[in-house]
Amino acid sequence: LLRHSTFVLPGSTELARREHVEILRAIKERNSKKAEQLARRHIR
C-alpha cells in the first residue's frame, strides 16, 4: 500500500546493501541471535 520506494533517498541503497550482507554473514555463521538482532535493526 505504500507509495514509492525508500531507495530514492540518498544513502539508503548503500545502507540496505551493507545491512543485508551483515545479516547474511550471521546466517552463514549459524549465529541465530546475531542474525535476529541485525534483522531487527535493519527494519528499524
PDB file of all heavy atoms in Angstrom:
ATOM      1  N   LEU A   1       0.807  -1.211   0.000  1.00  0.00           N
ATOM      2  CA  LEU A   1       0.000   0.000   0.000  1.00  0.00           C
ATOM      3  C   LEU A   1       0.844   1.266   0.000  1.00  0.00           C
ATOM      4  O   LEU A   1       0.330   2.358  -0.237  1.00  0.00           O
ATOM      5  CB  LEU A   1      -0.907   0.023   1.252  1.00  0.00           C
ATOM      6  CG  LEU A   1      -1.922  -1.112   1.387  1.00  0.00           C
ATOM      7  CD1 LEU A   1      -2.618  -1.023   2.739  1.00  0.00           C
ATOM      8  CD2 LEU A   1      -2.941  -1.063   0.255  1.00  0.00           C
ATOM      9  N   LEU A   2       2.129   1.127   0.282  1.00  0.00           N
ATOM     10  CA  LEU A   2       2.991   2.297   0.414  1.00  0.00           C
ATOM     11  C   LEU A   2       3.406   2.848  -0.944  1.00  0.00           C
ATOM     12  O   LEU A   2       3.742   2.095  -1.856  1.00  0.00           O
ATOM     13  CB  LEU A   2       4.243   1.944   1.225  1.00  0.00           C
ATOM     14  CG  LEU A   2       3.959   1.459   2.651  1.00  0.00           C
ATOM     15  CD1 LEU A   2       5.242   0.948   3.297  1.00  0.00           C
ATOM     16  CD2 LEU A   2       3.349   2.580   3.486  1.00  0.00           C
ATOM     17  N   ARG A   3       3.388   4.159  -1.044  1.00  0.00           N
ATOM     18  CA  ARG A   3       3.819   4.802  -2.277  1.00  0.00           C
ATOM     19  C   ARG A   3       5.342   4.920  -2.290  1.00  0.00           C
ATOM     20  O   ARG A   3       5.963   5.192  -1.275  1.00  0.00           O
ATOM     21  CB  ARG A   3       3.221   6.206  -2.382  1.00  0.00           C
ATOM     22  CG  ARG A   3       1.729   6.236  -2.626  1.00  0.00           C
ATOM     23  CD  ARG A   3       1.273   7.652  -2.845  1.00  0.00           C
ATOM     24  NE  ARG A   3       1.602   8.503  -1.709  1.00  0.00           N
ATOM     25  CZ  ARG A   3       1.631   9.826  -1.754  1.00  0.00           C
ATOM     26  NH1 ARG A   3       1.395  10.451  -2.884  1.00  0.00           N
ATOM     27  NH2 ARG A   3       1.910  10.530  -0.674  1.00  0.00           N
ATOM     28  N   HIS A   4       5.912   4.749  -3.427  1.00  0.00           N
ATOM     29  CA  HIS A   4       7.339   4.975  -3.650  1.00  0.00           C
ATOM     30  C   HIS A   4       8.215   3.991  -2.860  1.00  0.00           C
ATOM     31  O   HIS A   4       7.760   3.285  -1.972  1.00  0.00           O
ATOM     32  CB  HIS A   4       7.735   6.410  -3.308  1.00  0.00           C
ATOM     33  CG  HIS A   4       6.863   7.453  -3.912  1.00  0.00           C
ATOM     34  ND1 HIS A   4       6.572   7.471  -5.253  1.00  0.00           N
ATOM     35  CD2 HIS A   4       6.197   8.504  -3.356  1.00  0.00           C
ATOM     36  CE1 HIS A   4       5.781   8.502  -5.503  1.00  0.00           C
ATOM     37  NE2 HIS A   4       5.521   9.130  -4.380  1.00  0.00           N
ATOM     38  N   SER A   5       9.455   3.988  -3.187  1.00  0.00           N
ATOM     39  CA  SER A   5      10.448   3.172  -2.500  1.00  0.00           C
ATOM     40  C   SER A   5      11.411   4.082  -1.757  1.00  0.00           C
ATOM     41  O   SER A   5      11.743   5.171  -2.234  1.00  0.00           O
ATOM     42  CB  SER A   5      11.225   2.331  -3.520  1.00  0.00           C
ATOM     43  OG  SER A   5      12.418   1.844  -2.951  1.00  0.00           O
ATOM     44  N   THR A   6      11.872   3.635  -0.590  1.00  0.00           N
ATOM     45  CA  THR A   6      12.840   4.440   0.158  1.00  0.00           C
ATOM     46  C   THR A   6      14.191   4.476  -0.541  1.00  0.00           C
ATOM     47  O   THR A   6      15.064   5.250  -0.144  1.00  0.00           O
ATOM     48  CB  THR A   6      13.027   3.885   1.583  1.00  0.00           C
ATOM     49  OG1 THR A   6      13.413   2.509   1.514  1.00  0.00           O
ATOM     50  CG2 THR A   6      11.731   4.006   2.377  1.00  0.00           C
ATOM     51  N   PHE A   7      14.360   3.668  -1.577  1.00  0.00           N
ATOM     52  CA  PHE A   7      15.632   3.673  -2.306  1.00  0.00           C
ATOM     53  C   PHE A   7      15.875   4.984  -3.051  1.00  0.00           C
ATOM     54  O   PHE A   7      16.970   5.212  -3.565  1.00  0.00           O
ATOM     55  CB  PHE A   7      15.708   2.495  -3.277  1.00  0.00           C
ATOM     56  CG  PHE A   7      15.854   1.164  -2.591  1.00  0.00           C
ATOM     57  CD1 PHE A   7      15.052   0.086  -2.945  1.00  0.00           C
ATOM     58  CD2 PHE A   7      16.795   0.974  -1.590  1.00  0.00           C
ATOM     59  CE1 PHE A   7      15.176  -1.140  -2.312  1.00  0.00           C
ATOM     60  CE2 PHE A   7      16.934  -0.245  -0.956  1.00  0.00           C
ATOM     61  CZ  PHE A   7      16.120  -1.308  -1.311  1.00  0.00           C
ATOM     62  N   VAL A   8      14.864   5.829  -3.132  1.00  0.00           N
ATOM     63  CA  VAL A   8      15.066   7.138  -3.768  1.00  0.00           C
ATOM     64  C   VAL A   8      15.790   8.091  -2.824  1.00  0.00           C
ATOM     65  O   VAL A   8      16.277   9.140  -3.260  1.00  0.00           O
ATOM     66  CB  VAL A   8      13.723   7.761  -4.207  1.00  0.00           C
ATOM     67  CG1 VAL A   8      13.021   6.864  -5.211  1.00  0.00           C
ATOM     68  CG2 VAL A   8      12.816   8.049  -3.015  1.00  0.00           C
ATOM     69  N   LEU A   9      15.876   7.749  -1.542  1.00  0.00           N
ATOM     70  CA  LEU A   9      16.544   8.620  -0.571  1.00  0.00           C
ATOM     71  C   LEU A   9      18.059   8.427  -0.628  1.00  0.00           C
ATOM     72  O   LEU A   9      18.543   7.293  -0.708  1.00  0.00           O
ATOM     73  CB  LEU A   9      16.045   8.308   0.846  1.00  0.00           C
ATOM     74  CG  LEU A   9      14.567   8.622   1.121  1.00  0.00           C
ATOM     75  CD1 LEU A   9      14.174   8.108   2.495  1.00  0.00           C
ATOM     76  CD2 LEU A   9      14.309  10.120   1.019  1.00  0.00           C
ATOM     77  N   PRO A  10      18.824   9.503  -0.575  1.00  0.00           N
ATOM     78  CA  PRO A  10      20.285   9.406  -0.626  1.00  0.00           C
ATOM     79  C   PRO A  10      20.828   8.528   0.502  1.00  0.00           C
ATOM     80  O   PRO A  10      20.428   8.677   1.659  1.00  0.00           O
ATOM     81  CB  PRO A  10      20.738  10.868  -0.456  1.00  0.00           C
ATOM     82  CG  PRO A  10      19.569  11.684  -0.916  1.00  0.00           C
ATOM     83  CD  PRO A  10      18.348  10.902  -0.516  1.00  0.00           C
ATOM     84  N   GLY A  11      21.733   7.633   0.160  1.00  0.00           N
ATOM     85  CA  GLY A  11      22.378   6.780   1.146  1.00  0.00           C
ATOM     86  C   GLY A  11      21.609   5.533   1.515  1.00  0.00           C
ATOM     87  O   GLY A  11      22.169   4.613   2.140  1.00  0.00           O
ATOM     88  N   SER A  12      20.342   5.450   1.145  1.00  0.00           N
ATOM     89  CA  SER A  12      19.521   4.307   1.559  1.00  0.00           C
ATOM     90  C   SER A  12      19.950   3.008   0.879  1.00  0.00           C
ATOM     91  O   SER A  12      19.915   1.937   1.484  1.00  0.00           O
ATOM     92  CB  SER A  12      18.044   4.584   1.276  1.00  0.00           C
ATOM     93  OG  SER A  12      17.832   4.785  -0.110  1.00  0.00           O
ATOM     94  N   THR A  13      20.366   3.107  -0.364  1.00  0.00           N
ATOM     95  CA  THR A  13      20.772   1.913  -1.114  1.00  0.00           C
ATOM     96  C   THR A  13      21.993   1.255  -0.486  1.00  0.00           C
ATOM     97  O   THR A  13      22.035   0.044  -0.263  1.00  0.00           O
ATOM     98  CB  THR A  13      21.065   2.280  -2.575  1.00  0.00           C
ATOM     99  OG1 THR A  13      19.897   2.832  -3.168  1.00  0.00           O
ATOM    100  CG2 THR A  13      21.512   1.058  -3.362  1.00  0.00           C
ATOM    101  N   GLU A  14      22.996   2.067  -0.190  1.00  0.00           N
ATOM    102  CA  GLU A  14      24.229   1.537   0.395  1.00  0.00           C
ATOM    103  C   GLU A  14      23.974   0.988   1.794  1.00  0.00           C
ATOM    104  O   GLU A  14      24.522  -0.051   2.185  1.00  0.00           O
ATOM    105  CB  GLU A  14      25.297   2.627   0.443  1.00  0.00           C
ATOM    106  CG  GLU A  14      26.611   2.211   1.096  1.00  0.00           C
ATOM    107  CD  GLU A  14      27.235   0.973   0.465  1.00  0.00           C
ATOM    108  OE1 GLU A  14      27.044   0.746  -0.755  1.00  0.00           O
ATOM    109  OE2 GLU A  14      27.909   0.220   1.195  1.00  0.00           O
ATOM    110  N   LEU A  15      23.135   1.678   2.566  1.00  0.00           N
ATOM    111  CA  LEU A  15      22.810   1.206   3.913  1.00  0.00           C
ATOM    112  C   LEU A  15      22.143  -0.162   3.862  1.00  0.00           C
ATOM    113  O   LEU A  15      22.523  -1.080   4.596  1.00  0.00           O
ATOM    114  CB  LEU A  15      21.888   2.209   4.608  1.00  0.00           C
ATOM    115  CG  LEU A  15      21.361   1.789   5.995  1.00  0.00           C
ATOM    116  CD1 LEU A  15      22.515   1.662   6.980  1.00  0.00           C
ATOM    117  CD2 LEU A  15      20.328   2.787   6.509  1.00  0.00           C
ATOM    118  N   ALA A  16      21.164  -0.318   2.979  1.00  0.00           N
ATOM    119  CA  ALA A  16      20.459  -1.597   2.858  1.00  0.00           C
ATOM    120  C   ALA A  16      21.409  -2.700   2.420  1.00  0.00           C
ATOM    121  O   ALA A  16      21.375  -3.815   2.963  1.00  0.00           O
ATOM    122  CB  ALA A  16      19.308  -1.460   1.871  1.00  0.00           C
ATOM    123  N   ARG A  17      22.258  -2.406   1.435  1.00  0.00           N
ATOM    124  CA  ARG A  17      23.184  -3.417   0.941  1.00  0.00           C
ATOM    125  C   ARG A  17      24.124  -3.876   2.046  1.00  0.00           C
ATOM    126  O   ARG A  17      24.363  -5.074   2.232  1.00  0.00           O
ATOM    127  CB  ARG A  17      23.993  -2.852  -0.231  1.00  0.00           C
ATOM    128  CG  ARG A  17      24.839  -3.898  -0.964  1.00  0.00           C
ATOM    129  CD  ARG A  17      25.939  -3.246  -1.783  1.00  0.00           C
ATOM    130  NE  ARG A  17      26.894  -2.552  -0.926  1.00  0.00           N
ATOM    131  CZ  ARG A  17      27.853  -3.170  -0.241  1.00  0.00           C
ATOM    132  NH1 ARG A  17      27.978  -4.495  -0.278  1.00  0.00           N
ATOM    133  NH2 ARG A  17      28.680  -2.474   0.513  1.00  0.00           N
ATOM    134  N   ARG A  18      24.666  -2.915   2.808  1.00  0.00           N
ATOM    135  CA  ARG A  18      25.591  -3.254   3.882  1.00  0.00           C
ATOM    136  C   ARG A  18      24.908  -4.084   4.970  1.00  0.00           C
ATOM    137  O   ARG A  18      25.472  -5.077   5.462  1.00  0.00           O
ATOM    138  CB  ARG A  18      26.166  -1.964   4.476  1.00  0.00           C
ATOM    139  CG  ARG A  18      27.238  -2.195   5.542  1.00  0.00           C
ATOM    140  CD  ARG A  18      27.938  -0.907   5.924  1.00  0.00           C
ATOM    141  NE  ARG A  18      27.022   0.053   6.557  1.00  0.00           N
ATOM    142  CZ  ARG A  18      26.597   1.167   5.977  1.00  0.00           C
ATOM    143  NH1 ARG A  18      26.991   1.486   4.749  1.00  0.00           N
ATOM    144  NH2 ARG A  18      25.775   1.992   6.616  1.00  0.00           N
ATOM    145  N   GLU A  19      23.705  -3.696   5.327  1.00  0.00           N
ATOM    146  CA  GLU A  19      22.993  -4.431   6.372  1.00  0.00           C
ATOM    147  C   GLU A  19      22.584  -5.818   5.903  1.00  0.00           C
ATOM    148  O   GLU A  19      22.600  -6.777   6.688  1.00  0.00           O
ATOM    149  CB  GLU A  19      21.772  -3.623   6.823  1.00  0.00           C
ATOM    150  CG  GLU A  19      22.164  -2.362   7.576  1.00  0.00           C
ATOM    151  CD  GLU A  19      20.981  -1.561   8.082  1.00  0.00           C
ATOM    152  OE1 GLU A  19      19.845  -1.792   7.587  1.00  0.00           O
ATOM    153  OE2 GLU A  19      21.184  -0.710   8.962  1.00  0.00           O
ATOM    154  N   HIS A  20      22.225  -5.949   4.634  1.00  0.00           N
ATOM    155  CA  HIS A  20      21.891  -7.267   4.098  1.00  0.00           C
ATOM    156  C   HIS A  20      23.075  -8.217   4.219  1.00  0.00           C
ATOM    157  O   HIS A  20      22.932  -9.371   4.629  1.00  0.00           O
ATOM    158  CB  HIS A  20      21.464  -7.154   2.639  1.00  0.00           C
ATOM    159  CG  HIS A  20      20.093  -6.594   2.448  1.00  0.00           C
ATOM    160  ND1 HIS A  20      19.677  -6.024   1.278  1.00  0.00           N
ATOM    161  CD2 HIS A  20      19.023  -6.526   3.306  1.00  0.00           C
ATOM    162  CE1 HIS A  20      18.423  -5.620   1.411  1.00  0.00           C
ATOM    163  NE2 HIS A  20      18.015  -5.905   2.616  1.00  0.00           N
ATOM    164  N   VAL A  21      24.253  -7.733   3.846  1.00  0.00           N
ATOM    165  CA  VAL A  21      25.456  -8.578   3.900  1.00  0.00           C
ATOM    166  C   VAL A  21      25.747  -8.995   5.340  1.00  0.00           C
ATOM    167  O   VAL A  21      26.106 -10.151   5.605  1.00  0.00           O
ATOM    168  CB  VAL A  21      26.659  -7.838   3.295  1.00  0.00           C
ATOM    169  CG1 VAL A  21      27.956  -8.613   3.545  1.00  0.00           C
ATOM    170  CG2 VAL A  21      26.466  -7.634   1.796  1.00  0.00           C
ATOM    171  N   GLU A  22      25.583  -8.082   6.289  1.00  0.00           N
ATOM    172  CA  GLU A  22      25.823  -8.406   7.697  1.00  0.00           C
ATOM    173  C   GLU A  22      24.869  -9.493   8.181  1.00  0.00           C
ATOM    174  O   GLU A  22      25.273 -10.423   8.896  1.00  0.00           O
ATOM    175  CB  GLU A  22      25.679  -7.149   8.554  1.00  0.00           C
ATOM    176  CG  GLU A  22      26.776  -6.114   8.335  1.00  0.00           C
ATOM    177  CD  GLU A  22      26.503  -4.821   9.092  1.00  0.00           C
ATOM    178  OE1 GLU A  22      25.363  -4.636   9.579  1.00  0.00           O
ATOM    179  OE2 GLU A  22      27.423  -3.990   9.201  1.00  0.00           O
ATOM    180  N   ILE A  23      23.598  -9.373   7.787  1.00  0.00           N
ATOM    181  CA  ILE A  23      22.611 -10.383   8.177  1.00  0.00           C
ATOM    182  C   ILE A  23      22.960 -11.743   7.576  1.00  0.00           C
ATOM    183  O   ILE A  23      22.923 -12.781   8.256  1.00  0.00           O
ATOM    184  CB  ILE A  23      21.194  -9.956   7.725  1.00  0.00           C
ATOM    185  CG1 ILE A  23      20.752  -8.702   8.477  1.00  0.00           C
ATOM    186  CG2 ILE A  23      20.190 -11.088   7.943  1.00  0.00           C
ATOM    187  CD1 ILE A  23      19.525  -8.037   7.884  1.00  0.00           C
ATOM    188  N   LEU A  24      23.335 -11.739   6.311  1.00  0.00           N
ATOM    189  CA  LEU A  24      23.652 -13.000   5.636  1.00  0.00           C
ATOM    190  C   LEU A  24      24.895 -13.656   6.225  1.00  0.00           C
ATOM    191  O   LEU A  24      24.973 -14.885   6.331  1.00  0.00           O
ATOM    192  CB  LEU A  24      23.837 -12.761   4.135  1.00  0.00           C
ATOM    193  CG  LEU A  24      22.613 -12.234   3.375  1.00  0.00           C
ATOM    194  CD1 LEU A  24      22.867 -12.256   1.876  1.00  0.00           C
ATOM    195  CD2 LEU A  24      21.365 -13.036   3.714  1.00  0.00           C
ATOM    196  N   ARG A  25      25.857 -12.859   6.604  1.00  0.00           N
ATOM    197  CA  ARG A  25      27.054 -13.420   7.233  1.00  0.00           C
ATOM    198  C   ARG A  25      26.710 -14.089   8.555  1.00  0.00           C
ATOM    199  O   ARG A  25      27.240 -15.166   8.882  1.00  0.00           O
ATOM    200  CB  ARG A  25      28.097 -12.324   7.453  1.00  0.00           C
ATOM    201  CG  ARG A  25      28.816 -11.889   6.174  1.00  0.00           C
ATOM    202  CD  ARG A  25      29.731 -10.717   6.430  1.00  0.00           C
ATOM    203  NE  ARG A  25      30.467 -10.340   5.219  1.00  0.00           N
ATOM    204  CZ  ARG A  25      31.114  -9.185   5.065  1.00  0.00           C
ATOM    205  NH1 ARG A  25      31.119  -8.293   6.071  1.00  0.00           N
ATOM    206  NH2 ARG A  25      31.752  -8.927   3.945  1.00  0.00           N
ATOM    207  N   ALA A  26      25.809 -13.482   9.320  1.00  0.00           N
ATOM    208  CA  ALA A  26      25.397 -14.082  10.591  1.00  0.00           C
ATOM    209  C   ALA A  26      24.644 -15.390  10.338  1.00  0.00           C
ATOM    210  O   ALA A  26      24.809 -16.359  11.081  1.00  0.00           O
ATOM    211  CB  ALA A  26      24.515 -13.102  11.365  1.00  0.00           C
ATOM    212  N   ILE A  27      23.831 -15.406   9.294  1.00  0.00           N
ATOM    213  CA  ILE A  27      23.119 -16.638   8.940  1.00  0.00           C
ATOM    214  C   ILE A  27      24.121 -17.720   8.532  1.00  0.00           C
ATOM    215  O   ILE A  27      24.013 -18.880   8.960  1.00  0.00           O
ATOM    216  CB  ILE A  27      22.106 -16.374   7.810  1.00  0.00           C
ATOM    217  CG1 ILE A  27      20.957 -15.498   8.323  1.00  0.00           C
ATOM    218  CG2 ILE A  27      21.561 -17.695   7.244  1.00  0.00           C
ATOM    219  CD1 ILE A  27      19.981 -15.057   7.251  1.00  0.00           C
ATOM    220  N   LYS A  28      25.092 -17.354   7.725  1.00  0.00           N
ATOM    221  CA  LYS A  28      26.108 -18.318   7.275  1.00  0.00           C
ATOM    222  C   LYS A  28      26.917 -18.857   8.444  1.00  0.00           C
ATOM    223  O   LYS A  28      27.308 -20.042   8.458  1.00  0.00           O
ATOM    224  CB  LYS A  28      27.027 -17.659   6.256  1.00  0.00           C
ATOM    225  CG  LYS A  28      28.037 -18.610   5.632  1.00  0.00           C
ATOM    226  CD  LYS A  28      28.864 -17.912   4.560  1.00  0.00           C
ATOM    227  CE  LYS A  28      29.846 -18.884   3.913  1.00  0.00           C
ATOM    228  NZ  LYS A  28      30.645 -18.224   2.838  1.00  0.00           N
ATOM    229  N   GLU A  29      27.158 -18.001   9.443  1.00  0.00           N
ATOM    230  CA  GLU A  29      27.922 -18.413  10.625  1.00  0.00           C
ATOM    231  C   GLU A  29      27.068 -19.226  11.602  1.00  0.00           C
ATOM    232  O   GLU A  29      27.550 -19.682  12.626  1.00  0.00           O
ATOM    233  CB  GLU A  29      28.462 -17.171  11.344  1.00  0.00           C
ATOM    234  CG  GLU A  29      29.517 -16.410  10.549  1.00  0.00           C
ATOM    235  CD  GLU A  29      29.773 -15.014  11.121  1.00  0.00           C
ATOM    236  OE1 GLU A  29      29.118 -14.652  12.133  1.00  0.00           O
ATOM    237  OE2 GLU A  29      30.605 -14.293  10.548  1.00  0.00           O
ATOM    238  N   ARG A  30      25.775 -19.369  11.282  1.00  0.00           N
ATOM    239  CA  ARG A  30      24.805 -20.093  12.124  1.00  0.00           C
ATOM    240  C   ARG A  30      24.660 -19.410  13.488  1.00  0.00           C
ATOM    241  O   ARG A  30      24.389 -20.065  14.501  1.00  0.00           O
ATOM    242  CB  ARG A  30      25.224 -21.550  12.320  1.00  0.00           C
ATOM    243  CG  ARG A  30      25.434 -22.306  11.024  1.00  0.00           C
ATOM    244  CD  ARG A  30      24.138 -22.409  10.228  1.00  0.00           C
ATOM    245  NE  ARG A  30      24.316 -23.143   8.968  1.00  0.00           N
ATOM    246  CZ  ARG A  30      23.335 -23.375   8.093  1.00  0.00           C
ATOM    247  NH1 ARG A  30      22.116 -22.929   8.333  1.00  0.00           N
ATOM    248  NH2 ARG A  30      23.557 -24.036   6.975  1.00  0.00           N
ATOM    249  N   ASN A  31      24.795 -18.071  13.471  1.00  0.00           N
ATOM    250  CA  ASN A  31      24.664 -17.285  14.697  1.00  0.00           C
ATOM    251  C   ASN A  31      23.238 -16.716  14.739  1.00  0.00           C
ATOM    252  O   ASN A  31      22.973 -15.620  14.253  1.00  0.00           O
ATOM    253  CB  ASN A  31      25.701 -16.165  14.726  1.00  0.00           C
ATOM    254  CG  ASN A  31      25.767 -15.457  16.089  1.00  0.00           C
ATOM    255  OD1 ASN A  31      24.776 -15.374  16.799  1.00  0.00           O
ATOM    256  ND2 ASN A  31      26.941 -14.960  16.416  1.00  0.00           N
ATOM    257  N   SER A  32      22.346 -17.478  15.315  1.00  0.00           N
ATOM    258  CA  SER A  32      20.931 -17.132  15.296  1.00  0.00           C
ATOM    259  C   SER A  32      20.632 -15.821  16.017  1.00  0.00           C
ATOM    260  O   SER A  32      19.876 -14.977  15.517  1.00  0.00           O
ATOM    261  CB  SER A  32      20.121 -18.269  15.939  1.00  0.00           C
ATOM    262  OG  SER A  32      18.748 -17.981  15.926  1.00  0.00           O
ATOM    263  N   LYS A  33      21.212 -15.630  17.177  1.00  0.00           N
ATOM    264  CA  LYS A  33      20.956 -14.424  17.955  1.00  0.00           C
ATOM    265  C   LYS A  33      21.420 -13.172  17.218  1.00  0.00           C
ATOM    266  O   LYS A  33      20.700 -12.163  17.152  1.00  0.00           O
ATOM    267  CB  LYS A  33      21.668 -14.523  19.310  1.00  0.00           C
ATOM    268  CG  LYS A  33      21.405 -13.334  20.220  1.00  0.00           C
ATOM    269  CD  LYS A  33      22.079 -13.518  21.574  1.00  0.00           C
ATOM    270  CE  LYS A  33      21.815 -12.318  22.489  1.00  0.00           C
ATOM    271  NZ  LYS A  33      22.461 -12.503  23.832  1.00  0.00           N
ATOM    272  N   LYS A  34      22.600 -13.241  16.641  1.00  0.00           N
ATOM    273  CA  LYS A  34      23.136 -12.088  15.916  1.00  0.00           C
ATOM    274  C   LYS A  34      22.306 -11.803  14.674  1.00  0.00           C
ATOM    275  O   LYS A  34      22.027 -10.635  14.354  1.00  0.00           O
ATOM    276  CB  LYS A  34      24.589 -12.349  15.530  1.00  0.00           C
ATOM    277  CG  LYS A  34      25.266 -11.167  14.847  1.00  0.00           C
ATOM    278  CD  LYS A  34      26.730 -11.470  14.547  1.00  0.00           C
ATOM    279  CE  LYS A  34      27.413 -10.278  13.876  1.00  0.00           C
ATOM    280  NZ  LYS A  34      28.849 -10.590  13.575  1.00  0.00           N
ATOM    281  N   ALA A  35      21.917 -12.840  13.951  1.00  0.00           N
ATOM    282  CA  ALA A  35      21.111 -12.658  12.744  1.00  0.00           C
ATOM    283  C   ALA A  35      19.792 -11.964  13.081  1.00  0.00           C
ATOM    284  O   ALA A  35      19.344 -11.060  12.363  1.00  0.00           O
ATOM    285  CB  ALA A  35      20.844 -14.005  12.079  1.00  0.00           C
ATOM    286  N   GLU A  36      19.178 -12.393  14.186  1.00  0.00           N
ATOM    287  CA  GLU A  36      17.913 -11.767  14.587  1.00  0.00           C
ATOM    288  C   GLU A  36      18.118 -10.303  14.963  1.00  0.00           C
ATOM    289  O   GLU A  36      17.345  -9.426  14.548  1.00  0.00           O
ATOM    290  CB  GLU A  36      17.299 -12.510  15.770  1.00  0.00           C
ATOM    291  CG  GLU A  36      16.010 -11.864  16.252  1.00  0.00           C
ATOM    292  CD  GLU A  36      15.276 -12.681  17.297  1.00  0.00           C
ATOM    293  OE1 GLU A  36      15.713 -13.811  17.607  1.00  0.00           O
ATOM    294  OE2 GLU A  36      14.237 -12.184  17.796  1.00  0.00           O
ATOM    295  N   GLN A  37      19.159 -10.024  15.720  1.00  0.00           N
ATOM    296  CA  GLN A  37      19.418  -8.639  16.133  1.00  0.00           C
ATOM    297  C   GLN A  37      19.682  -7.737  14.926  1.00  0.00           C
ATOM    298  O   GLN A  37      19.174  -6.608  14.862  1.00  0.00           O
ATOM    299  CB  GLN A  37      20.617  -8.602  17.090  1.00  0.00           C
ATOM    300  CG  GLN A  37      20.342  -9.221  18.456  1.00  0.00           C
ATOM    301  CD  GLN A  37      21.585  -9.305  19.321  1.00  0.00           C
ATOM    302  OE1 GLN A  37      22.727  -9.281  18.822  1.00  0.00           O
ATOM    303  NE2 GLN A  37      21.397  -9.419  20.620  1.00  0.00           N
ATOM    304  N   LEU A  38      20.457  -8.225  13.982  1.00  0.00           N
ATOM    305  CA  LEU A  38      20.784  -7.432  12.797  1.00  0.00           C
ATOM    306  C   LEU A  38      19.550  -7.207  11.930  1.00  0.00           C
ATOM    307  O   LEU A  38      19.364  -6.121  11.370  1.00  0.00           O
ATOM    308  CB  LEU A  38      21.884  -8.122  11.994  1.00  0.00           C
ATOM    309  CG  LEU A  38      23.274  -8.127  12.638  1.00  0.00           C
ATOM    310  CD1 LEU A  38      24.222  -9.032  11.836  1.00  0.00           C
ATOM    311  CD2 LEU A  38      23.849  -6.708  12.707  1.00  0.00           C
ATOM    312  N   ALA A  39      18.709  -8.221  11.812  1.00  0.00           N
ATOM    313  CA  ALA A  39      17.494  -8.087  11.008  1.00  0.00           C
ATOM    314  C   ALA A  39      16.537  -7.087  11.643  1.00  0.00           C
ATOM    315  O   ALA A  39      15.916  -6.268  10.944  1.00  0.00           O
ATOM    316  CB  ALA A  39      16.820  -9.440  10.844  1.00  0.00           C
ATOM    317  N   ARG A  40      16.421  -7.137  12.943  1.00  0.00           N
ATOM    318  CA  ARG A  40      15.543  -6.180  13.635  1.00  0.00           C
ATOM    319  C   ARG A  40      16.064  -4.754  13.478  1.00  0.00           C
ATOM    320  O   ARG A  40      15.280  -3.810  13.263  1.00  0.00           O
ATOM    321  CB  ARG A  40      15.399  -6.566  15.109  1.00  0.00           C
ATOM    322  CG  ARG A  40      14.655  -7.877  15.324  1.00  0.00           C
ATOM    323  CD  ARG A  40      14.466  -8.181  16.801  1.00  0.00           C
ATOM    324  NE  ARG A  40      13.558  -7.199  17.413  1.00  0.00           N
ATOM    325  CZ  ARG A  40      12.534  -7.527  18.205  1.00  0.00           C
ATOM    326  NH1 ARG A  40      12.259  -8.797  18.452  1.00  0.00           N
ATOM    327  NH2 ARG A  40      11.779  -6.599  18.732  1.00  0.00           N
ATOM    328  N   ARG A  41      17.375  -4.587  13.574  1.00  0.00           N
ATOM    329  CA  ARG A  41      17.951  -3.248  13.374  1.00  0.00           C
ATOM    330  C   ARG A  41      17.688  -2.757  11.956  1.00  0.00           C
ATOM    331  O   ARG A  41      17.386  -1.580  11.732  1.00  0.00           O
ATOM    332  CB  ARG A  41      19.459  -3.294  13.637  1.00  0.00           C
ATOM    333  CG  ARG A  41      20.133  -1.927  13.550  1.00  0.00           C
ATOM    334  CD  ARG A  41      21.633  -2.037  13.593  1.00  0.00           C
ATOM    335  NE  ARG A  41      22.162  -2.685  12.384  1.00  0.00           N
ATOM    336  CZ  ARG A  41      23.458  -2.800  12.109  1.00  0.00           C
ATOM    337  NH1 ARG A  41      24.371  -2.355  12.964  1.00  0.00           N
ATOM    338  NH2 ARG A  41      23.853  -3.383  10.997  1.00  0.00           N
ATOM    339  N   HIS A  42      17.806  -3.666  10.999  1.00  0.00           N
ATOM    340  CA  HIS A  42      17.567  -3.327   9.589  1.00  0.00           C
ATOM    341  C   HIS A  42      16.143  -2.793   9.397  1.00  0.00           C
ATOM    342  O   HIS A  42      15.934  -1.795   8.681  1.00  0.00           O
ATOM    343  CB  HIS A  42      17.787  -4.585   8.744  1.00  0.00           C
ATOM    344  CG  HIS A  42      17.514  -4.415   7.292  1.00  0.00           C
ATOM    345  ND1 HIS A  42      18.151  -3.464   6.509  1.00  0.00           N
ATOM    346  CD2 HIS A  42      16.677  -5.078   6.449  1.00  0.00           C
ATOM    347  CE1 HIS A  42      17.714  -3.553   5.263  1.00  0.00           C
ATOM    348  NE2 HIS A  42      16.807  -4.521   5.209  1.00  0.00           N
ATOM    349  N   ILE A  43      15.168  -3.408  10.021  1.00  0.00           N
ATOM    350  CA  ILE A  43      13.778  -2.964   9.886  1.00  0.00           C
ATOM    351  C   ILE A  43      13.553  -1.649  10.616  1.00  0.00           C
ATOM    352  O   ILE A  43      12.787  -0.791  10.149  1.00  0.00           O
ATOM    353  CB  ILE A  43      12.803  -4.045  10.385  1.00  0.00           C
ATOM    354  CG1 ILE A  43      12.996  -5.339   9.588  1.00  0.00           C
ATOM    355  CG2 ILE A  43      11.362  -3.554  10.272  1.00  0.00           C
ATOM    356  CD1 ILE A  43      12.883  -5.159   8.079  1.00  0.00           C
ATOM    357  N   ARG A  44      14.214  -1.438  11.736  1.00  0.00           N
ATOM    358  CA  ARG A  44      14.093  -0.144  12.417  1.00  0.00           C
ATOM    359  C   ARG A  44      14.631   0.977  11.537  1.00  0.00           C
ATOM    360  O   ARG A  44      14.050   2.070  11.458  1.00  0.00           O
ATOM    361  CB  ARG A  44      14.836  -0.170  13.761  1.00  0.00           C
ATOM    362  CG  ARG A  44      14.158  -1.032  14.820  1.00  0.00           C
ATOM    363  CD  ARG A  44      14.708  -0.725  16.218  1.00  0.00           C
ATOM    364  NE  ARG A  44      16.130  -1.037  16.331  1.00  0.00           N
ATOM    365  CZ  ARG A  44      16.609  -2.231  16.687  1.00  0.00           C
ATOM    366  NH1 ARG A  44      15.771  -3.241  16.938  1.00  0.00           N
ATOM    367  NH2 ARG A  44      17.904  -2.425  16.799  1.00  0.00           N
TER     368      ARG A  44
END
